[in-house]
Each structure stands twice: as structure tokens, then as C-alpha cells.
Amino acid sequence: MAELVGGGGLGDLAYRYGYQRYQTDIMIVCVIMLVVIVQIIQWIGDTVALKFDKKYQ
């Protein structure tokens, strides 16, 4: 996640082009993409955790 948000990835793109240059459309698209990526990673983590959780087997 650090690469996507703080390491020159989508977060950097959203900040430089969206926020600093007042291009709201770019900022909104980048933020939506970040939220989708985080939700997908969270869903994968929850699925794996449920699969290996011995309490629910």
C-alpha cells in the first residue's frame, strides 16, 4: 500500500495533478481507484482469514 499511496503512485498523482493543479476530475478518479484497491485487498485478506480460522470450521 505504501507504494500505491506514498511512493510516487496513485497518491502522488492525485496530489500533484488533482490537488495542486486544481484538476478535480483526476483527483476524484485517483481517490476512487485507491478506495477500490484497498477494498479488494481487504476482501482478499478477510477471505483468507476465514478460510484458515479454525473457530468457524
PDB file of N, CA and C in Angstrom:
ATOM      1  N   MET A   1       0.825  -1.186   0.000  1.00  0.00           N
ATOM      2  CA  MET A   1       0.000   0.000   0.000  1.00  0.00           C
ATOM      3  C   MET A   1       0.871   1.252   0.000  1.00  0.00           C
ATOM      4  N   ALA A   2       2.020   1.182   0.643  1.00  0.00           N
ATOM      5  CA  ALA A   2       2.871   2.365   0.688  1.00  0.00           C
ATOM      6  C   ALA A   2       3.322   2.765  -0.708  1.00  0.00           C
ATOM      7  N   GLU A   3       3.539   1.773  -1.552  1.00  0.00           N
ATOM      8  CA  GLU A   3       3.956   2.082  -2.921  1.00  0.00           C
ATOM      9  C   GLU A   3       2.837   2.800  -3.672  1.00  0.00           C
ATOM     10  N   LEU A   4       1.608   2.364  -3.465  1.00  0.00           N
ATOM     11  CA  LEU A   4       0.491   2.982  -4.179  1.00  0.00           C
ATOM     12  C   LEU A   4       0.179   4.376  -3.655  1.00  0.00           C
ATOM     13  N   VAL A   5       0.245   4.560  -2.348  1.00  0.00           N
ATOM     14  CA  VAL A   5      -0.184   5.822  -1.762  1.00  0.00           C
ATOM     15  C   VAL A   5       0.957   6.819  -1.645  1.00  0.00           C
ATOM     16  N   GLY A   6       2.071   6.417  -1.031  1.00  0.00           N
ATOM     17  CA  GLY A   6       3.108   7.395  -0.723  1.00  0.00           C
ATOM     18  C   GLY A   6       4.364   7.292  -1.540  1.00  0.00           C
ATOM     19  N   GLY A   7       4.527   6.252  -2.317  1.00  0.00           N
ATOM     20  CA  GLY A   7       5.776   6.038  -3.003  1.00  0.00           C
ATOM     21  C   GLY A   7       5.766   6.479  -4.453  1.00  0.00           C
ATOM     22  N   GLY A   8       5.039   7.520  -4.782  1.00  0.00           N
ATOM     23  CA  GLY A   8       5.026   8.006  -6.150  1.00  0.00           C
ATOM     24  C   GLY A   8       3.980   7.342  -7.019  1.00  0.00           C
ATOM     25  N   GLY A   9       3.008   6.703  -6.429  1.00  0.00           N
ATOM     26  CA  GLY A   9       1.975   6.006  -7.190  1.00  0.00           C
ATOM     27  C   GLY A   9       0.733   6.856  -7.368  1.00  0.00           C
ATOM     28  N   LEU A  10      -0.404   6.246  -7.110  1.00  0.00           N
ATOM     29  CA  LEU A  10      -1.679   6.938  -7.308  1.00  0.00           C
ATOM     30  C   LEU A  10      -1.859   8.112  -6.353  1.00  0.00           C
ATOM     31  N   GLY A  11      -1.380   7.962  -5.123  1.00  0.00           N
ATOM     32  CA  GLY A  11      -1.495   9.062  -4.167  1.00  0.00           C
ATOM     33  C   GLY A  11      -0.718  10.286  -4.614  1.00  0.00           C
ATOM     34  N   ASP A  12       0.458  10.064  -5.137  1.00  0.00           N
ATOM     35  CA  ASP A  12       1.277  11.165  -5.644  1.00  0.00           C
ATOM     36  C   ASP A  12       0.617  11.814  -6.859  1.00  0.00           C
ATOM     37  N   LEU A  13       0.064  10.992  -7.730  1.00  0.00           N
ATOM     38  CA  LEU A  13      -0.641  11.513  -8.910  1.00  0.00           C
ATOM     39  C   LEU A  13      -1.840  12.353  -8.496  1.00  0.00           C
ATOM     40  N   ALA A  14      -2.611  11.843  -7.540  1.00  0.00           N
ATOM     41  CA  ALA A  14      -3.787  12.585  -7.069  1.00  0.00           C
ATOM     42  C   ALA A  14      -3.381  13.908  -6.439  1.00  0.00           C
ATOM     43  N   TYR A  15      -2.291  13.896  -5.696  1.00  0.00           N
ATOM     44  CA  TYR A  15      -1.855  15.118  -5.024  1.00  0.00           C
ATOM     45  C   TYR A  15      -1.295  16.141  -6.006  1.00  0.00           C
ATOM     46  N   ARG A  16      -0.399  15.704  -6.881  1.00  0.00           N
ATOM     47  CA  ARG A  16       0.264  16.653  -7.787  1.00  0.00           C
ATOM     48  C   ARG A  16      -0.673  17.231  -8.842  1.00  0.00           C
ATOM     49  N   TYR A  17      -1.411  16.349  -9.509  1.00  0.00           N
ATOM     50  CA  TYR A  17      -2.255  16.820 -10.610  1.00  0.00           C
ATOM     51  C   TYR A  17      -3.650  17.218 -10.140  1.00  0.00           C
ATOM     52  N   GLY A  18      -4.173  16.499  -9.160  1.00  0.00           N
ATOM     53  CA  GLY A  18      -5.526  16.792  -8.708  1.00  0.00           C
ATOM     54  C   GLY A  18      -5.607  17.959  -7.755  1.00  0.00           C
ATOM     55  N   TYR A  19      -4.790  17.910  -6.714  1.00  0.00           N
ATOM     56  CA  TYR A  19      -4.881  18.916  -5.662  1.00  0.00           C
ATOM     57  C   TYR A  19      -4.100  20.182  -5.993  1.00  0.00           C
ATOM     58  N   GLN A  20      -2.858  20.035  -6.397  1.00  0.00           N
ATOM     59  CA  GLN A  20      -2.019  21.215  -6.630  1.00  0.00           C
ATOM     60  C   GLN A  20      -2.410  21.967  -7.903  1.00  0.00           C
ATOM     61  N   ARG A  21      -2.895  21.262  -8.904  1.00  0.00           N
ATOM     62  CA  ARG A  21      -3.270  21.924 -10.163  1.00  0.00           C
ATOM     63  C   ARG A  21      -4.771  22.140 -10.295  1.00  0.00           C
ATOM     64  N   TYR A  22      -5.509  21.844  -9.224  1.00  0.00           N
ATOM     65  CA  TYR A  22      -6.957  22.044  -9.179  1.00  0.00           C
ATOM     66  C   TYR A  22      -7.691  21.281 -10.287  1.00  0.00           C
ATOM     67  N   GLN A  23      -7.212  20.075 -10.590  1.00  0.00           N
ATOM     68  CA  GLN A  23      -7.897  19.211 -11.558  1.00  0.00           C
ATOM     69  C   GLN A  23      -8.697  18.182 -10.760  1.00  0.00           C
ATOM     70  N   THR A  24      -9.906  18.583 -10.429  1.00  0.00           N
ATOM     71  CA  THR A  24     -10.733  17.783  -9.533  1.00  0.00           C
ATOM     72  C   THR A  24     -11.060  16.422 -10.105  1.00  0.00           C
ATOM     73  N   ASP A  25     -11.261  16.336 -11.410  1.00  0.00           N
ATOM     74  CA  ASP A  25     -11.632  15.053 -12.013  1.00  0.00           C
ATOM     75  C   ASP A  25     -10.529  14.012 -11.835  1.00  0.00           C
ATOM     76  N   ILE A  26      -9.271  14.418 -11.993  1.00  0.00           N
ATOM     77  CA  ILE A  26      -8.151  13.488 -11.796  1.00  0.00           C
ATOM     78  C   ILE A  26      -8.069  13.059 -10.335  1.00  0.00           C
ATOM     79  N   MET A  27      -8.260  14.002  -9.434  1.00  0.00           N
ATOM     80  CA  MET A  27      -8.186  13.681  -8.014  1.00  0.00           C
ATOM     81  C   MET A  27      -9.301  12.713  -7.621  1.00  0.00           C
ATOM     82  N   ILE A  28     -10.497  12.919  -8.100  1.00  0.00           N
ATOM     83  CA  ILE A  28     -11.625  12.046  -7.763  1.00  0.00           C
ATOM     84  C   ILE A  28     -11.401  10.642  -8.302  1.00  0.00           C
ATOM     85  N   VAL A  29     -10.928  10.528  -9.535  1.00  0.00           N
ATOM     86  CA  VAL A  29     -10.680   9.207 -10.125  1.00  0.00           C
ATOM     87  C   VAL A  29      -9.589   8.478  -9.342  1.00  0.00           C
ATOM     88  N   CYS A  30      -8.527   9.164  -8.979  1.00  0.00           N
ATOM     89  CA  CYS A  30      -7.441   8.526  -8.217  1.00  0.00           C
ATOM     90  C   CYS A  30      -7.921   8.074  -6.841  1.00  0.00           C
ATOM     91  N   VAL A  31      -8.711   8.899  -6.182  1.00  0.00           N
ATOM     92  CA  VAL A  31      -9.214   8.535  -4.862  1.00  0.00           C
ATOM     93  C   VAL A  31     -10.147   7.326  -4.965  1.00  0.00           C
ATOM     94  N   ILE A  32     -11.005   7.299  -5.969  1.00  0.00           N
ATOM     95  CA  ILE A  32     -11.898   6.151  -6.164  1.00  0.00           C
ATOM     96  C   ILE A  32     -11.088   4.888  -6.444  1.00  0.00           C
ATOM     97  N   MET A  33     -10.052   5.006  -7.264  1.00  0.00           N
ATOM     98  CA  MET A  33      -9.205   3.847  -7.548  1.00  0.00           C
ATOM     99  C   MET A  33      -8.507   3.353  -6.285  1.00  0.00           C
ATOM    100  N   LEU A  34      -8.020   4.259  -5.449  1.00  0.00           N
ATOM    101  CA  LEU A  34      -7.381   3.864  -4.198  1.00  0.00           C
ATOM    102  C   LEU A  34      -8.361   3.146  -3.272  1.00  0.00           C
ATOM    103  N   VAL A  35      -9.574   3.655  -3.180  1.00  0.00           N
ATOM    104  CA  VAL A  35     -10.581   3.018  -2.331  1.00  0.00           C
ATOM    105  C   VAL A  35     -10.906   1.620  -2.844  1.00  0.00           C
ATOM    106  N   VAL A  36     -11.043   1.467  -4.156  1.00  0.00           N
ATOM    107  CA  VAL A  36     -11.341   0.157  -4.738  1.00  0.00           C
ATOM    108  C   VAL A  36     -10.194  -0.823  -4.477  1.00  0.00           C
ATOM    109  N   ILE A  37      -8.964  -0.369  -4.653  1.00  0.00           N
ATOM    110  CA  ILE A  37      -7.802  -1.240  -4.418  1.00  0.00           C
ATOM    111  C   ILE A  37      -7.755  -1.678  -2.956  1.00  0.00           C
ATOM    112  N   VAL A  38      -7.984  -0.751  -2.042  1.00  0.00           N
ATOM    113  CA  VAL A  38      -7.959  -1.088  -0.618  1.00  0.00           C
ATOM    114  C   VAL A  38      -9.076  -2.066  -0.281  1.00  0.00           C
ATOM    115  N   GLN A  39     -10.259  -1.873  -0.855  1.00  0.00           N
ATOM    116  CA  GLN A  39     -11.374  -2.781  -0.579  1.00  0.00           C
ATOM    117  C   GLN A  39     -11.099  -4.183  -1.114  1.00  0.00           C
ATOM    118  N   ILE A  40     -10.481  -4.276  -2.272  1.00  0.00           N
ATOM    119  CA  ILE A  40     -10.147  -5.587  -2.838  1.00  0.00           C
ATOM    120  C   ILE A  40      -9.125  -6.298  -1.957  1.00  0.00           C
ATOM    121  N   ILE A  41      -8.104  -5.589  -1.528  1.00  0.00           N
ATOM    122  CA  ILE A  41      -7.091  -6.195  -0.659  1.00  0.00           C
ATOM    123  C   ILE A  41      -7.718  -6.611   0.665  1.00  0.00           C
ATOM    124  N   GLN A  42      -8.610  -5.783   1.203  1.00  0.00           N
ATOM    125  CA  GLN A  42      -9.286  -6.128   2.455  1.00  0.00           C
ATOM    126  C   GLN A  42     -10.157  -7.369   2.286  1.00  0.00           C
ATOM    127  N   TRP A  43     -10.870  -7.453   1.177  1.00  0.00           N
ATOM    128  CA  TRP A  43     -11.735  -8.607   0.912  1.00  0.00           C
ATOM    129  C   TRP A  43     -10.907  -9.894   0.793  1.00  0.00           C
ATOM    130  N   ILE A  44      -9.785  -9.814   0.095  1.00  0.00           N
ATOM    131  CA  ILE A  44      -8.910 -10.986  -0.036  1.00  0.00           C
ATOM    132  C   ILE A  44      -8.384 -11.404   1.341  1.00  0.00           C
ATOM    133  N   GLY A  45      -7.967 -10.447   2.138  1.00  0.00           N
ATOM    134  CA  GLY A  45      -7.470 -10.756   3.471  1.00  0.00           C
ATOM    135  C   GLY A  45      -8.544 -11.376   4.358  1.00  0.00           C
ATOM    136  N   ASP A  46      -9.764 -10.853   4.302  1.00  0.00           N
ATOM    137  CA  ASP A  46     -10.863 -11.420   5.088  1.00  0.00           C
ATOM    138  C   ASP A  46     -11.192 -12.837   4.637  1.00  0.00           C
ATOM    139  N   THR A  47     -11.182 -13.079   3.333  1.00  0.00           N
ATOM    140  CA  THR A  47     -11.475 -14.407   2.803  1.00  0.00           C
ATOM    141  C   THR A  47     -10.423 -15.416   3.247  1.00  0.00           C
ATOM    142  N   VAL A  48      -9.168 -15.034   3.169  1.00  0.00           N
ATOM    143  CA  VAL A  48      -8.091 -15.926   3.592  1.00  0.00           C
ATOM    144  C   VAL A  48      -8.179 -16.178   5.101  1.00  0.00           C
ATOM    145  N   ALA A  49      -8.472 -15.143   5.870  1.00  0.00           N
ATOM    146  CA  ALA A  49      -8.568 -15.301   7.322  1.00  0.00           C
ATOM    147  C   ALA A  49      -9.713 -16.237   7.697  1.00  0.00           C
ATOM    148  N   LEU A  50     -10.845 -16.113   7.025  1.00  0.00           N
ATOM    149  CA  LEU A  50     -11.965 -17.004   7.309  1.00  0.00           C
ATOM    150  C   LEU A  50     -11.661 -18.441   6.913  1.00  0.00           C
ATOM    151  N   LYS A  51     -10.916 -18.613   5.848  1.00  0.00           N
ATOM    152  CA  LYS A  51     -10.581 -19.955   5.392  1.00  0.00           C
ATOM    153  C   LYS A  51      -9.680 -20.670   6.381  1.00  0.00           C
ATOM    154  N   PHE A  52      -8.752 -19.960   6.992  1.00  0.00           N
ATOM    155  CA  PHE A  52      -7.793 -20.572   7.898  1.00  0.00           C
ATOM    156  C   PHE A  52      -8.175 -20.435   9.370  1.00  0.00           C
ATOM    157  N   ASP A  53      -9.290 -19.790   9.649  1.00  0.00           N
ATOM    158  CA  ASP A  53      -9.723 -19.629  11.036  1.00  0.00           C
ATOM    159  C   ASP A  53     -10.345 -20.939  11.514  1.00  0.00           C
ATOM    160  N   LYS A  54      -9.774 -21.538  12.521  1.00  0.00           N
ATOM    161  CA  LYS A  54     -10.223 -22.846  12.990  1.00  0.00           C
ATOM    162  C   LYS A  54     -11.523 -22.770  13.790  1.00  0.00           C
ATOM    163  N   LYS A  55     -11.880 -21.597  14.243  1.00  0.00           N
ATOM    164  CA  LYS A  55     -13.101 -21.440  15.045  1.00  0.00           C
ATOM    165  C   LYS A  55     -14.358 -21.691  14.211  1.00  0.00           C
ATOM    166  N   TYR A  56     -14.324 -21.376  12.919  1.00  0.00           N
ATOM    167  CA  TYR A  56     -15.504 -21.494  12.066  1.00  0.00           C
ATOM    168  C   TYR A  56     -15.495 -22.746  11.194  1.00  0.00           C
ATOM    169  N   GLN A  57     -14.587 -23.671  11.431  1.00  0.00           N
ATOM    170  CA  GLN A  57     -14.526 -24.873  10.593  1.00  0.00           C
ATOM    171  C   GLN A  57     -15.237 -26.035  11.232  1.00  0.00           C
TER     172      GLN A  57
END
